Amino acid sequence: MTTTRTPSRFVMPPEAVLRAREKLVLDHFHDEVTQDWDATLSTFPHPHYELIAQMLVHDGDSEVRGYYNDTRVAFPDQDHELIAFRHSPDAVIAEFWLLGTHLGNLGPIPPTGSTHRTRMTAYFIFDENENLVTERIYFDQLTILKQLLGGLDKRSPRDLLTLAGAIKGALSMSGAEPDPRLFETTPPHLDD
């Protein structure tokens, strides 16, 4: 029987491991901005994203490529500004500003032409073999939506139609079922 090592939450890996993780995450960020999807996906043995605000999981090469495509159709100039990097026994935690101009459909939400700058946190989680196994992203969807809709001229008939379409699209997205994998959580063992 094979057992999986659970890292102690009180013991940090050696500096060389932390530096290697950080380099991998920085390369991952860079490759996302340049839209080099093959390079980005090569940072995972099995690509896996969890978008907590939307309760969505994108698992595997095909789903993650679809996610990349959808977000870059909506925000072709998507970029980021790093705020901070932190290390934990099994993760790199990155705080950053996500930036972009809404020039294409964001799911059912029509393009508004507005920009957003949204503060986010991503946990890049590593397994016991130092493989990146999950990118778990936390952000506030309403912050993005407010910025995208706030740029519309409420006196312009064209922008009012865009606003109506955006509200309709946002409402249709709110009825989506959350991914059940995000509900399957186990409380940590704190008695060690």
N, C-alpha and C. Protein backbone atom coordinates (compact mmCIF):
# COMPACT_ATOMS: atom_id res chain seq x y z
N MET A 1 0.85 -1.18 0.00
CA MET A 1 0.00 0.00 0.00
C MET A 1 0.89 1.24 0.00
N THR A 2 0.59 2.18 -0.91
CA THR A 2 1.36 3.42 -1.01
C THR A 2 0.68 4.49 -0.19
N THR A 3 1.46 5.21 0.58
CA THR A 3 0.89 6.31 1.35
C THR A 3 1.39 7.62 0.78
N THR A 4 0.57 8.62 0.85
CA THR A 4 0.93 9.95 0.38
C THR A 4 1.41 10.77 1.55
N ARG A 5 2.57 11.39 1.38
CA ARG A 5 3.12 12.23 2.44
C ARG A 5 2.28 13.49 2.56
N THR A 6 1.87 13.80 3.76
CA THR A 6 1.19 15.05 4.03
C THR A 6 2.20 15.97 4.68
N PRO A 7 2.53 17.07 4.04
CA PRO A 7 3.56 17.94 4.63
C PRO A 7 3.06 18.56 5.93
N SER A 8 3.97 18.68 6.86
CA SER A 8 3.63 19.36 8.10
C SER A 8 3.41 20.83 7.78
N ARG A 9 2.38 21.38 8.36
CA ARG A 9 2.11 22.80 8.10
C ARG A 9 3.11 23.71 8.81
N PHE A 10 3.98 23.12 9.64
CA PHE A 10 4.97 23.90 10.37
C PHE A 10 6.38 23.79 9.78
N VAL A 11 6.56 22.98 8.75
CA VAL A 11 7.89 22.77 8.19
C VAL A 11 7.90 23.24 6.74
N MET A 12 8.73 24.23 6.48
CA MET A 12 8.86 24.74 5.12
C MET A 12 9.88 23.90 4.37
N PRO A 13 9.67 23.74 3.07
CA PRO A 13 10.68 23.06 2.24
C PRO A 13 11.98 23.88 2.21
N PRO A 14 13.05 23.27 1.77
CA PRO A 14 14.32 24.01 1.64
C PRO A 14 14.19 25.18 0.66
N GLU A 15 15.08 26.14 0.82
CA GLU A 15 15.07 27.34 -0.03
C GLU A 15 15.11 26.99 -1.51
N ALA A 16 15.89 25.99 -1.89
CA ALA A 16 16.00 25.61 -3.30
C ALA A 16 14.64 25.18 -3.87
N VAL A 17 13.85 24.49 -3.07
CA VAL A 17 12.51 24.06 -3.50
C VAL A 17 11.61 25.28 -3.65
N LEU A 18 11.66 26.19 -2.68
CA LEU A 18 10.83 27.40 -2.75
C LEU A 18 11.20 28.24 -3.98
N ARG A 19 12.48 28.35 -4.26
CA ARG A 19 12.92 29.11 -5.44
C ARG A 19 12.46 28.44 -6.74
N ALA A 20 12.53 27.12 -6.79
CA ALA A 20 12.08 26.40 -7.99
C ALA A 20 10.58 26.57 -8.19
N ARG A 21 9.81 26.48 -7.11
CA ARG A 21 8.36 26.70 -7.21
C ARG A 21 8.07 28.11 -7.71
N GLU A 22 8.75 29.09 -7.11
CA GLU A 22 8.50 30.48 -7.49
C GLU A 22 8.83 30.71 -8.96
N LYS A 23 9.94 30.16 -9.43
CA LYS A 23 10.30 30.31 -10.85
C LYS A 23 9.22 29.69 -11.74
N LEU A 24 8.74 28.50 -11.38
CA LEU A 24 7.70 27.85 -12.17
C LEU A 24 6.45 28.73 -12.23
N VAL A 25 6.04 29.30 -11.10
CA VAL A 25 4.83 30.14 -11.06
C VAL A 25 5.05 31.42 -11.87
N LEU A 26 6.22 32.03 -11.76
CA LEU A 26 6.50 33.23 -12.57
C LEU A 26 6.51 32.91 -14.05
N ASP A 27 7.08 31.76 -14.43
CA ASP A 27 7.04 31.34 -15.83
C ASP A 27 5.60 31.13 -16.29
N HIS A 28 4.80 30.51 -15.43
CA HIS A 28 3.38 30.26 -15.71
C HIS A 28 2.66 31.59 -15.98
N PHE A 29 2.86 32.58 -15.09
CA PHE A 29 2.25 33.90 -15.28
C PHE A 29 2.69 34.50 -16.61
N HIS A 30 3.99 34.48 -16.88
CA HIS A 30 4.53 35.06 -18.12
C HIS A 30 3.91 34.40 -19.34
N ASP A 31 3.86 33.06 -19.33
CA ASP A 31 3.34 32.33 -20.49
C ASP A 31 1.85 32.59 -20.70
N GLU A 32 1.11 32.81 -19.61
CA GLU A 32 -0.31 33.18 -19.77
C GLU A 32 -0.45 34.53 -20.46
N VAL A 33 0.37 35.50 -20.06
CA VAL A 33 0.27 36.84 -20.64
C VAL A 33 0.64 36.81 -22.12
N THR A 34 1.67 36.04 -22.47
CA THR A 34 2.07 35.97 -23.89
C THR A 34 1.20 34.99 -24.68
N GLN A 35 0.27 34.35 -23.99
CA GLN A 35 -0.67 33.39 -24.57
C GLN A 35 0.05 32.23 -25.25
N ASP A 36 1.12 31.78 -24.61
CA ASP A 36 1.84 30.58 -25.05
C ASP A 36 1.25 29.41 -24.25
N TRP A 37 0.15 28.88 -24.76
CA TRP A 37 -0.61 27.89 -23.99
C TRP A 37 0.15 26.59 -23.81
N ASP A 38 0.93 26.19 -24.80
CA ASP A 38 1.71 24.95 -24.63
C ASP A 38 2.70 25.11 -23.47
N ALA A 39 3.38 26.25 -23.40
CA ALA A 39 4.32 26.48 -22.31
C ALA A 39 3.59 26.57 -20.98
N THR A 40 2.46 27.26 -20.95
CA THR A 40 1.70 27.39 -19.71
C THR A 40 1.27 26.01 -19.22
N LEU A 41 0.72 25.22 -20.11
CA LEU A 41 0.24 23.89 -19.72
C LEU A 41 1.38 22.97 -19.32
N SER A 42 2.58 23.22 -19.81
CA SER A 42 3.71 22.36 -19.45
C SER A 42 4.12 22.53 -17.99
N THR A 43 3.60 23.57 -17.31
CA THR A 43 3.93 23.74 -15.90
C THR A 43 3.16 22.76 -15.02
N PHE A 44 2.17 22.08 -15.57
CA PHE A 44 1.37 21.08 -14.84
C PHE A 44 1.62 19.70 -15.47
N PRO A 45 1.66 18.63 -14.68
CA PRO A 45 1.57 17.30 -15.30
C PRO A 45 0.14 17.04 -15.79
N HIS A 46 -0.84 17.64 -15.09
CA HIS A 46 -2.25 17.54 -15.46
C HIS A 46 -2.89 18.88 -15.12
N PRO A 47 -3.22 19.72 -16.12
CA PRO A 47 -3.77 21.05 -15.84
C PRO A 47 -5.07 20.99 -15.05
N HIS A 48 -5.16 21.84 -14.03
CA HIS A 48 -6.35 21.85 -13.17
C HIS A 48 -6.50 23.24 -12.56
N TYR A 49 -7.60 23.91 -12.91
CA TYR A 49 -7.92 25.23 -12.35
C TYR A 49 -9.20 25.14 -11.54
N GLU A 50 -9.23 25.83 -10.43
CA GLU A 50 -10.45 25.97 -9.63
C GLU A 50 -10.74 27.45 -9.47
N LEU A 51 -11.88 27.90 -10.01
CA LEU A 51 -12.30 29.30 -9.91
C LEU A 51 -13.36 29.37 -8.82
N ILE A 52 -12.94 29.77 -7.64
CA ILE A 52 -13.82 29.70 -6.47
C ILE A 52 -15.00 30.65 -6.59
N ALA A 53 -14.80 31.86 -7.10
CA ALA A 53 -15.92 32.82 -7.20
C ALA A 53 -17.05 32.27 -8.06
N GLN A 54 -16.70 31.54 -9.10
CA GLN A 54 -17.71 30.99 -10.00
C GLN A 54 -18.08 29.55 -9.67
N MET A 55 -17.33 28.95 -8.73
CA MET A 55 -17.51 27.54 -8.35
C MET A 55 -17.38 26.65 -9.58
N LEU A 56 -16.33 26.93 -10.40
CA LEU A 56 -16.05 26.18 -11.62
C LEU A 56 -14.71 25.47 -11.51
N VAL A 57 -14.64 24.31 -12.13
CA VAL A 57 -13.38 23.58 -12.25
C VAL A 57 -13.12 23.36 -13.73
N HIS A 58 -11.89 23.62 -14.14
CA HIS A 58 -11.43 23.30 -15.50
C HIS A 58 -10.34 22.27 -15.32
N ASP A 59 -10.61 21.04 -15.74
CA ASP A 59 -9.71 19.92 -15.48
C ASP A 59 -9.26 19.28 -16.79
N GLY A 60 -7.97 19.16 -16.94
CA GLY A 60 -7.41 18.52 -18.13
C GLY A 60 -7.10 19.52 -19.22
N ASP A 61 -6.27 19.08 -20.15
CA ASP A 61 -5.77 19.93 -21.23
C ASP A 61 -6.89 20.62 -22.02
N SER A 62 -7.86 19.87 -22.44
CA SER A 62 -8.93 20.41 -23.29
C SER A 62 -9.75 21.47 -22.56
N GLU A 63 -10.17 21.17 -21.33
CA GLU A 63 -10.99 22.14 -20.58
C GLU A 63 -10.20 23.40 -20.26
N VAL A 64 -8.92 23.24 -19.90
CA VAL A 64 -8.12 24.41 -19.56
C VAL A 64 -7.85 25.26 -20.80
N ARG A 65 -7.58 24.62 -21.94
CA ARG A 65 -7.41 25.39 -23.18
C ARG A 65 -8.70 26.15 -23.52
N GLY A 66 -9.85 25.53 -23.28
CA GLY A 66 -11.13 26.20 -23.50
C GLY A 66 -11.27 27.42 -22.60
N TYR A 67 -10.87 27.27 -21.35
CA TYR A 67 -10.89 28.38 -20.40
C TYR A 67 -9.98 29.51 -20.87
N TYR A 68 -8.76 29.16 -21.28
CA TYR A 68 -7.84 30.18 -21.81
C TYR A 68 -8.47 30.89 -23.00
N ASN A 69 -9.02 30.13 -23.94
CA ASN A 69 -9.62 30.71 -25.13
C ASN A 69 -10.76 31.66 -24.76
N ASP A 70 -11.67 31.20 -23.90
CA ASP A 70 -12.83 32.01 -23.54
C ASP A 70 -12.42 33.32 -22.87
N THR A 71 -11.44 33.26 -21.97
CA THR A 71 -11.05 34.48 -21.27
C THR A 71 -10.29 35.43 -22.18
N ARG A 72 -9.55 34.90 -23.17
CA ARG A 72 -8.81 35.79 -24.07
C ARG A 72 -9.69 36.31 -25.19
N VAL A 73 -10.78 35.63 -25.50
CA VAL A 73 -11.77 36.22 -26.41
C VAL A 73 -12.40 37.43 -25.72
N ALA A 74 -12.75 37.27 -24.45
CA ALA A 74 -13.36 38.37 -23.70
C ALA A 74 -12.37 39.49 -23.42
N PHE A 75 -11.13 39.13 -23.05
CA PHE A 75 -10.11 40.10 -22.67
C PHE A 75 -8.81 39.79 -23.42
N PRO A 76 -8.72 40.15 -24.70
CA PRO A 76 -7.54 39.78 -25.48
C PRO A 76 -6.24 40.39 -24.96
N ASP A 77 -6.34 41.48 -24.21
CA ASP A 77 -5.14 42.13 -23.67
C ASP A 77 -4.92 41.79 -22.19
N GLN A 78 -5.50 40.70 -21.74
CA GLN A 78 -5.40 40.35 -20.32
C GLN A 78 -3.95 40.35 -19.85
N ASP A 79 -3.72 40.95 -18.70
CA ASP A 79 -2.39 41.07 -18.12
C ASP A 79 -2.54 41.04 -16.60
N HIS A 80 -1.44 41.15 -15.91
CA HIS A 80 -1.48 41.18 -14.45
C HIS A 80 -0.35 42.05 -13.93
N GLU A 81 -0.54 42.49 -12.70
CA GLU A 81 0.51 43.19 -11.96
C GLU A 81 0.66 42.45 -10.64
N LEU A 82 1.82 41.92 -10.39
CA LEU A 82 2.05 41.18 -9.15
C LEU A 82 2.07 42.13 -7.96
N ILE A 83 1.48 41.69 -6.87
CA ILE A 83 1.48 42.46 -5.61
C ILE A 83 2.41 41.79 -4.61
N ALA A 84 2.27 40.48 -4.44
CA ALA A 84 3.07 39.77 -3.44
C ALA A 84 3.12 38.28 -3.76
N PHE A 85 4.21 37.67 -3.34
CA PHE A 85 4.37 36.21 -3.39
C PHE A 85 4.63 35.74 -1.97
N ARG A 86 3.97 34.64 -1.62
CA ARG A 86 4.19 34.02 -0.32
C ARG A 86 4.34 32.53 -0.52
N HIS A 87 5.03 31.91 0.41
CA HIS A 87 5.24 30.46 0.34
C HIS A 87 4.59 29.80 1.53
N SER A 88 4.08 28.60 1.31
CA SER A 88 3.58 27.76 2.38
C SER A 88 4.22 26.38 2.20
N PRO A 89 4.01 25.47 3.11
CA PRO A 89 4.62 24.15 2.94
C PRO A 89 4.28 23.46 1.62
N ASP A 90 3.09 23.73 1.06
CA ASP A 90 2.72 23.03 -0.18
C ASP A 90 2.24 23.95 -1.30
N ALA A 91 2.50 25.26 -1.19
CA ALA A 91 1.95 26.17 -2.20
C ALA A 91 2.74 27.46 -2.31
N VAL A 92 2.60 28.09 -3.47
CA VAL A 92 2.99 29.48 -3.66
C VAL A 92 1.68 30.25 -3.73
N ILE A 93 1.59 31.32 -2.97
CA ILE A 93 0.38 32.14 -2.94
C ILE A 93 0.74 33.47 -3.60
N ALA A 94 0.03 33.79 -4.67
CA ALA A 94 0.31 35.01 -5.41
C ALA A 94 -0.88 35.95 -5.29
N GLU A 95 -0.59 37.19 -4.90
CA GLU A 95 -1.59 38.25 -4.95
C GLU A 95 -1.25 39.10 -6.17
N PHE A 96 -2.27 39.47 -6.92
CA PHE A 96 -2.01 40.23 -8.14
C PHE A 96 -3.25 41.00 -8.56
N TRP A 97 -3.03 41.99 -9.40
CA TRP A 97 -4.11 42.70 -10.08
C TRP A 97 -4.28 42.04 -11.44
N LEU A 98 -5.49 41.65 -11.79
CA LEU A 98 -5.79 41.17 -13.14
C LEU A 98 -6.37 42.34 -13.90
N LEU A 99 -5.90 42.56 -15.12
CA LEU A 99 -6.31 43.70 -15.92
C LEU A 99 -6.79 43.22 -17.28
N GLY A 100 -7.69 43.95 -17.86
CA GLY A 100 -8.11 43.62 -19.21
C GLY A 100 -9.19 44.55 -19.73
N THR A 101 -9.32 44.56 -21.05
CA THR A 101 -10.35 45.34 -21.72
C THR A 101 -11.37 44.37 -22.29
N HIS A 102 -12.63 44.59 -21.97
CA HIS A 102 -13.71 43.67 -22.35
C HIS A 102 -14.11 43.91 -23.80
N LEU A 103 -13.46 43.18 -24.72
CA LEU A 103 -13.68 43.39 -26.15
C LEU A 103 -14.42 42.24 -26.83
N GLY A 104 -14.68 41.17 -26.11
CA GLY A 104 -15.40 40.02 -26.67
C GLY A 104 -16.37 39.48 -25.63
N ASN A 105 -17.22 38.55 -26.07
CA ASN A 105 -18.19 37.98 -25.14
C ASN A 105 -17.50 37.29 -23.97
N LEU A 106 -18.01 37.54 -22.77
CA LEU A 106 -17.60 36.85 -21.56
C LEU A 106 -18.73 35.90 -21.22
N GLY A 107 -18.68 34.71 -21.82
CA GLY A 107 -19.83 33.81 -21.74
C GLY A 107 -20.99 34.52 -22.42
N PRO A 108 -22.14 34.64 -21.74
CA PRO A 108 -23.29 35.31 -22.34
C PRO A 108 -23.29 36.84 -22.16
N ILE A 109 -22.24 37.39 -21.57
CA ILE A 109 -22.17 38.84 -21.35
C ILE A 109 -21.50 39.49 -22.55
N PRO A 110 -22.22 40.38 -23.25
CA PRO A 110 -21.65 41.02 -24.45
C PRO A 110 -20.52 41.98 -24.07
N PRO A 111 -19.62 42.25 -25.02
CA PRO A 111 -18.51 43.16 -24.72
C PRO A 111 -18.99 44.57 -24.42
N THR A 112 -18.36 45.18 -23.41
CA THR A 112 -18.70 46.54 -23.03
C THR A 112 -17.66 47.55 -23.46
N GLY A 113 -16.48 47.08 -23.82
CA GLY A 113 -15.37 47.99 -24.15
C GLY A 113 -14.70 48.58 -22.92
N SER A 114 -15.20 48.25 -21.74
CA SER A 114 -14.65 48.79 -20.49
C SER A 114 -13.44 47.97 -20.04
N THR A 115 -12.64 48.59 -19.20
CA THR A 115 -11.50 47.90 -18.62
C THR A 115 -11.81 47.53 -17.17
N HIS A 116 -11.06 46.55 -16.67
CA HIS A 116 -11.16 46.23 -15.25
C HIS A 116 -9.77 46.04 -14.68
N ARG A 117 -9.65 46.28 -13.40
CA ARG A 117 -8.43 46.03 -12.62
C ARG A 117 -8.92 45.42 -11.32
N THR A 118 -8.73 44.12 -11.18
CA THR A 118 -9.34 43.37 -10.08
C THR A 118 -8.27 42.67 -9.26
N ARG A 119 -8.32 42.85 -7.96
CA ARG A 119 -7.36 42.20 -7.07
C ARG A 119 -7.76 40.75 -6.89
N MET A 120 -6.77 39.86 -7.00
CA MET A 120 -7.01 38.43 -6.93
C MET A 120 -5.92 37.75 -6.10
N THR A 121 -6.23 36.55 -5.68
CA THR A 121 -5.26 35.68 -5.02
C THR A 121 -5.34 34.32 -5.68
N ALA A 122 -4.18 33.75 -5.98
CA ALA A 122 -4.13 32.41 -6.56
C ALA A 122 -3.20 31.55 -5.72
N TYR A 123 -3.68 30.35 -5.42
CA TYR A 123 -2.88 29.35 -4.72
C TYR A 123 -2.39 28.36 -5.76
N PHE A 124 -1.07 28.27 -5.92
CA PHE A 124 -0.45 27.30 -6.81
C PHE A 124 -0.01 26.15 -5.92
N ILE A 125 -0.74 25.04 -5.98
CA ILE A 125 -0.55 23.94 -5.03
C ILE A 125 0.32 22.85 -5.66
N PHE A 126 1.29 22.40 -4.88
CA PHE A 126 2.25 21.39 -5.31
C PHE A 126 2.04 20.09 -4.54
N ASP A 127 2.26 18.97 -5.23
CA ASP A 127 2.14 17.67 -4.56
C ASP A 127 3.48 17.29 -3.92
N GLU A 128 3.54 16.09 -3.36
CA GLU A 128 4.74 15.63 -2.64
C GLU A 128 5.95 15.44 -3.56
N ASN A 129 5.72 15.40 -4.88
CA ASN A 129 6.82 15.28 -5.85
C ASN A 129 7.18 16.63 -6.48
N GLU A 130 6.64 17.71 -5.91
CA GLU A 130 6.89 19.07 -6.39
C GLU A 130 6.31 19.33 -7.77
N ASN A 131 5.21 18.64 -8.10
CA ASN A 131 4.47 18.93 -9.32
C ASN A 131 3.36 19.92 -9.00
N LEU A 132 3.18 20.90 -9.86
CA LEU A 132 2.04 21.81 -9.74
C LEU A 132 0.79 21.01 -10.09
N VAL A 133 -0.15 20.92 -9.15
CA VAL A 133 -1.34 20.10 -9.37
C VAL A 133 -2.63 20.92 -9.45
N THR A 134 -2.62 22.14 -8.92
CA THR A 134 -3.84 22.96 -8.92
C THR A 134 -3.47 24.43 -8.91
N GLU A 135 -4.21 25.21 -9.70
CA GLU A 135 -4.22 26.66 -9.52
C GLU A 135 -5.62 27.01 -9.04
N ARG A 136 -5.70 27.48 -7.80
CA ARG A 136 -6.99 27.82 -7.18
C ARG A 136 -7.06 29.33 -7.05
N ILE A 137 -8.06 29.95 -7.71
CA ILE A 137 -8.11 31.40 -7.83
C ILE A 137 -9.32 31.95 -7.07
N TYR A 138 -9.06 32.96 -6.26
CA TYR A 138 -10.10 33.65 -5.50
C TYR A 138 -10.20 35.09 -5.99
N PHE A 139 -11.42 35.53 -6.25
CA PHE A 139 -11.66 36.93 -6.64
C PHE A 139 -13.14 37.21 -6.48
N ASP A 140 -13.47 38.49 -6.59
CA ASP A 140 -14.85 38.94 -6.45
C ASP A 140 -15.42 39.25 -7.83
N GLN A 141 -16.37 38.43 -8.28
CA GLN A 141 -16.97 38.64 -9.60
C GLN A 141 -17.67 39.99 -9.72
N LEU A 142 -18.29 40.43 -8.62
CA LEU A 142 -19.02 41.69 -8.66
C LEU A 142 -18.09 42.87 -8.93
N THR A 143 -16.86 42.80 -8.40
CA THR A 143 -15.88 43.86 -8.67
C THR A 143 -15.63 44.00 -10.16
N ILE A 144 -15.47 42.87 -10.84
CA ILE A 144 -15.25 42.90 -12.29
C ILE A 144 -16.49 43.44 -12.99
N LEU A 145 -17.65 42.90 -12.67
CA LEU A 145 -18.89 43.30 -13.33
C LEU A 145 -19.17 44.79 -13.15
N LYS A 146 -18.96 45.30 -11.93
CA LYS A 146 -19.17 46.73 -11.68
C LYS A 146 -18.29 47.59 -12.58
N GLN A 147 -17.04 47.17 -12.75
CA GLN A 147 -16.13 47.95 -13.60
C GLN A 147 -16.53 47.86 -15.07
N LEU A 148 -16.94 46.68 -15.50
CA LEU A 148 -17.32 46.51 -16.91
C LEU A 148 -18.59 47.30 -17.23
N LEU A 149 -19.55 47.29 -16.32
CA LEU A 149 -20.81 48.00 -16.56
C LEU A 149 -20.69 49.49 -16.25
N GLY A 150 -19.80 49.83 -15.31
CA GLY A 150 -19.63 51.23 -14.92
C GLY A 150 -19.11 52.11 -16.03
N GLY A 151 -18.47 51.54 -17.01
CA GLY A 151 -17.94 52.32 -18.13
C GLY A 151 -18.96 52.62 -19.20
N LEU A 152 -20.16 52.08 -19.07
CA LEU A 152 -21.19 52.32 -20.08
C LEU A 152 -21.89 53.65 -19.84
N ASP A 153 -22.24 54.33 -20.91
CA ASP A 153 -22.98 55.59 -20.84
C ASP A 153 -24.46 55.25 -20.74
N LYS A 154 -25.03 55.49 -19.58
CA LYS A 154 -26.44 55.11 -19.34
C LYS A 154 -27.43 55.98 -20.11
N ARG A 155 -26.94 57.00 -20.82
CA ARG A 155 -27.82 57.84 -21.65
C ARG A 155 -27.77 57.43 -23.11
N SER A 156 -26.84 56.55 -23.44
CA SER A 156 -26.68 56.12 -24.83
C SER A 156 -27.57 54.90 -25.10
N PRO A 157 -28.45 54.97 -26.11
CA PRO A 157 -29.30 53.81 -26.42
C PRO A 157 -28.48 52.55 -26.70
N ARG A 158 -27.36 52.71 -27.40
CA ARG A 158 -26.52 51.55 -27.71
C ARG A 158 -25.97 50.93 -26.42
N ASP A 159 -25.46 51.78 -25.51
CA ASP A 159 -24.91 51.27 -24.25
C ASP A 159 -26.00 50.71 -23.34
N LEU A 160 -27.21 51.25 -23.43
CA LEU A 160 -28.31 50.69 -22.65
C LEU A 160 -28.65 49.28 -23.13
N LEU A 161 -28.58 49.05 -24.44
CA LEU A 161 -28.79 47.69 -24.96
C LEU A 161 -27.69 46.74 -24.48
N THR A 162 -26.45 47.24 -24.48
CA THR A 162 -25.34 46.43 -23.97
C THR A 162 -25.55 46.13 -22.50
N LEU A 163 -25.97 47.13 -21.73
CA LEU A 163 -26.24 46.95 -20.30
C LEU A 163 -27.32 45.89 -20.08
N ALA A 164 -28.40 45.98 -20.85
CA ALA A 164 -29.49 44.99 -20.72
C ALA A 164 -28.97 43.59 -21.04
N GLY A 165 -28.16 43.47 -22.10
CA GLY A 165 -27.60 42.17 -22.47
C GLY A 165 -26.66 41.65 -21.40
N ALA A 166 -25.88 42.55 -20.80
CA ALA A 166 -24.94 42.14 -19.75
C ALA A 166 -25.69 41.66 -18.51
N ILE A 167 -26.73 42.36 -18.14
CA ILE A 167 -27.53 41.95 -16.98
C ILE A 167 -28.20 40.60 -17.24
N LYS A 168 -28.77 40.46 -18.43
CA LYS A 168 -29.39 39.18 -18.80
C LYS A 168 -28.34 38.05 -18.78
N GLY A 169 -27.15 38.32 -19.33
CA GLY A 169 -26.09 37.32 -19.35
C GLY A 169 -25.62 36.96 -17.95
N ALA A 170 -25.45 37.97 -17.10
CA ALA A 170 -25.00 37.72 -15.72
C ALA A 170 -26.04 36.90 -14.96
N LEU A 171 -27.32 37.22 -15.17
CA LEU A 171 -28.37 36.45 -14.51
C LEU A 171 -28.40 35.00 -14.99
N SER A 172 -28.17 34.79 -16.28
CA SER A 172 -28.18 33.42 -16.79
C SER A 172 -27.00 32.63 -16.22
N MET A 173 -25.88 33.29 -15.98
CA MET A 173 -24.71 32.62 -15.40
C MET A 173 -24.93 32.29 -13.93
N SER A 174 -25.77 33.08 -13.25
CA SER A 174 -25.96 32.88 -11.81
C SER A 174 -26.74 31.60 -11.52
N GLY A 175 -27.41 31.05 -12.51
CA GLY A 175 -28.17 29.83 -12.30
C GLY A 175 -27.38 28.56 -12.54
N ALA A 176 -26.10 28.70 -12.91
CA ALA A 176 -25.28 27.52 -13.19
C ALA A 176 -25.02 26.73 -11.91
N GLU A 177 -25.02 25.42 -12.05
CA GLU A 177 -24.75 24.56 -10.90
C GLU A 177 -23.27 24.63 -10.53
N PRO A 178 -22.96 24.79 -9.25
CA PRO A 178 -21.56 24.77 -8.84
C PRO A 178 -20.95 23.38 -9.02
N ASP A 179 -19.67 23.33 -9.31
CA ASP A 179 -18.99 22.06 -9.47
C ASP A 179 -18.93 21.36 -8.12
N PRO A 180 -19.47 20.15 -8.02
CA PRO A 180 -19.51 19.46 -6.72
C PRO A 180 -18.13 19.15 -6.15
N ARG A 181 -17.10 19.09 -7.00
CA ARG A 181 -15.75 18.82 -6.50
C ARG A 181 -15.27 19.91 -5.55
N LEU A 182 -15.84 21.11 -5.68
CA LEU A 182 -15.42 22.20 -4.81
C LEU A 182 -16.11 22.14 -3.45
N PHE A 183 -17.09 21.28 -3.32
CA PHE A 183 -17.76 21.09 -2.03
C PHE A 183 -17.17 19.93 -1.24
N GLU A 184 -16.38 19.10 -1.90
CA GLU A 184 -15.79 17.92 -1.27
C GLU A 184 -14.51 18.33 -0.55
N THR A 185 -14.66 18.92 0.62
CA THR A 185 -13.52 19.38 1.38
C THR A 185 -13.40 18.58 2.65
N THR A 186 -12.19 18.47 3.15
CA THR A 186 -11.91 17.76 4.39
C THR A 186 -11.26 18.73 5.35
N PRO A 187 -11.79 18.87 6.54
CA PRO A 187 -11.15 19.77 7.50
C PRO A 187 -9.73 19.30 7.81
N PRO A 188 -8.83 20.23 8.06
CA PRO A 188 -7.46 19.84 8.36
C PRO A 188 -7.37 19.18 9.74
N HIS A 189 -6.37 18.33 9.90
CA HIS A 189 -6.08 17.72 11.21
C HIS A 189 -5.14 18.68 11.94
N LEU A 190 -5.63 19.31 12.98
CA LEU A 190 -4.84 20.32 13.69
C LEU A 190 -4.24 19.80 14.98
N ASP A 191 -4.34 18.50 15.20
CA ASP A 191 -3.86 17.95 16.46
C ASP A 191 -2.42 17.43 16.39
N ASP A 192 -1.72 17.69 15.30
CA ASP A 192 -0.33 17.21 15.22
C ASP A 192 0.68 18.25 15.61
